[in-house]
C-alpha atoms as a PDB file:
ATOM      1  CA  UNK A   1      85.146  81.960  80.017  1.00  0.00           C
ATOM      2  CA  UNK A   2      87.659  84.180  81.794  1.00  0.00           C
ATOM      3  CA  UNK A   3      91.272  82.887  81.699  1.00  0.00           C
ATOM      4  CA  UNK A   4      93.391  85.796  82.656  1.00  0.00           C
ATOM      5  CA  UNK A   5      94.017  87.014  85.350  1.00  0.00           C
ATOM      6  CA  UNK A   6      93.574  83.805  87.485  1.00  0.00           C
ATOM      7  CA  UNK A   7      91.539  83.684  90.576  1.00  0.00           C
ATOM      8  CA  UNK A   8      94.816  82.780  92.384  1.00  0.00           C
ATOM      9  CA  UNK A   9      96.101  86.298  91.368  1.00  0.00           C
ATOM     10  CA  UNK A  10      92.992  88.065  92.418  1.00  0.00           C
ATOM     11  CA  UNK A  11      92.749  86.638  95.594  1.00  0.00           C
ATOM     12  CA  UNK A  12      96.547  88.000  96.460  1.00  0.00           C
ATOM     13  CA  UNK A  13      95.053  91.437  96.199  1.00  0.00           C
ATOM     14  CA  UNK A  14      92.492  90.784  98.992  1.00  0.00           C
ATOM     15  CA  UNK A  15      94.504  88.736 101.074  1.00  0.00           C
ATOM     16  CA  UNK A  16      92.350  85.573 100.025  1.00  0.00           C
ATOM     17  CA  UNK A  17      89.246  86.928 100.993  1.00  0.00           C
ATOM     18  CA  UNK A  18      86.806  85.812  98.534  1.00  0.00           C
ATOM     19  CA  UNK A  19      83.677  88.204  99.605  1.00  0.00           C
ATOM     20  CA  UNK A  20      85.858  91.057  99.422  1.00  0.00           C
ATOM     21  CA  UNK A  21      87.036  89.893  95.951  1.00  0.00           C
ATOM     22  CA  UNK A  22      83.616  89.519  94.657  1.00  0.00           C
ATOM     23  CA  UNK A  23      82.404  92.687  96.473  1.00  0.00           C
ATOM     24  CA  UNK A  24      85.206  94.825  94.549  1.00  0.00           C
ATOM     25  CA  UNK A  25      84.950  93.253  91.154  1.00  0.00           C
ATOM     26  CA  UNK A  26      81.156  93.987  91.323  1.00  0.00           C
ATOM     27  CA  UNK A  27      81.041  97.649  92.296  1.00  0.00           C
ATOM     28  CA  UNK A  28      84.031  98.177  89.837  1.00  0.00           C
ATOM     29  CA  UNK A  29      82.264  96.787  86.938  1.00  0.00           C
ATOM     30  CA  UNK A  30      78.819  98.484  87.919  1.00  0.00           C
ATOM     31  CA  UNK A  31      81.166 101.747  87.778  1.00  0.00           C
ATOM     32  CA  UNK A  32      82.699 101.054  84.291  1.00  0.00           C
ATOM     33  CA  UNK A  33      79.265 100.160  82.750  1.00  0.00           C
ATOM     34  CA  UNK A  34      77.658 103.445  84.120  1.00  0.00           C
ATOM     35  CA  UNK A  35      80.767 105.629  83.195  1.00  0.00           C
ATOM     36  CA  UNK A  36      81.638 103.851  79.732  1.00  0.00           C
ATOM     37  CA  UNK A  37      78.930 102.131  78.463  1.00  0.00           C
ATOM     38  CA  UNK A  38      79.322 103.502  74.940  1.00  0.00           C
ATOM     39  CA  UNK A  39      82.811 102.602  74.891  1.00  0.00           C
ATOM     40  CA  UNK A  40      82.299  98.950  75.934  1.00  0.00           C
ATOM     41  CA  UNK A  41      79.911  98.316  72.991  1.00  0.00           C
ATOM     42  CA  UNK A  42      82.631  98.266  70.429  1.00  0.00           C
ATOM     43  CA  UNK A  43      84.837  96.184  72.578  1.00  0.00           C
ATOM     44  CA  UNK A  44      85.373  92.425  73.059  1.00  0.00           C
ATOM     45  CA  UNK A  45      85.812  92.882  76.614  1.00  0.00           C
ATOM     46  CA  UNK A  46      83.226  92.899  79.453  1.00  0.00           C
ATOM     47  CA  UNK A  47      83.046  95.223  82.385  1.00  0.00           C
ATOM     48  CA  UNK A  48      84.035  92.563  84.731  1.00  0.00           C
ATOM     49  CA  UNK A  49      87.008  91.454  82.720  1.00  0.00           C
ATOM     50  CA  UNK A  50      88.065  94.930  82.791  1.00  0.00           C
ATOM     51  CA  UNK A  51      87.404  95.315  86.543  1.00  0.00           C
ATOM     52  CA  UNK A  52      89.281  92.157  87.177  1.00  0.00           C
ATOM     53  CA  UNK A  53      92.595  93.398  85.191  1.00  0.00           C
ATOM     54  CA  UNK A  54      92.474  96.736  86.955  1.00  0.00           C
ATOM     55  CA  UNK A  55      92.588  94.980  90.413  1.00  0.00           C
ATOM     56  CA  UNK A  56      95.453  92.874  89.277  1.00  0.00           C
ATOM     57  CA  UNK A  57      97.319  95.709  87.840  1.00  0.00           C
ATOM     58  CA  UNK A  58      96.696  97.789  91.369  1.00  0.00           C
ATOM     59  CA  UNK A  59      94.688 100.583  89.993  1.00  0.00           C
ATOM     60  CA  UNK A  60      91.526  99.436  92.307  1.00  0.00           C
ATOM     61  CA  UNK A  61      92.509  98.090  95.909  1.00  0.00           C
ATOM     62  CA  UNK A  62      89.979  96.953  98.384  1.00  0.00           C
ATOM     63  CA  UNK A  63      90.651  99.920 100.826  1.00  0.00           C
ATOM     64  CA  UNK A  64      89.338 102.390  98.110  1.00  0.00           C
ATOM     65  CA  UNK A  65      85.803 100.778  98.070  1.00  0.00           C
END
């Protein structure tokens, strides 16, 4: 179960739009999977968790997708 970042923090990045948030997370997670598949095998984190952390950090924005 994902505890951090919280859904409230993620929603702030998309102005409260859950659809945009879901689409953004899915697209970025797929991108991470395709690029870093071998690097993810040894890690404890999943691509979705990494995508969420990048969104909260401001590395990925809705306008970039």
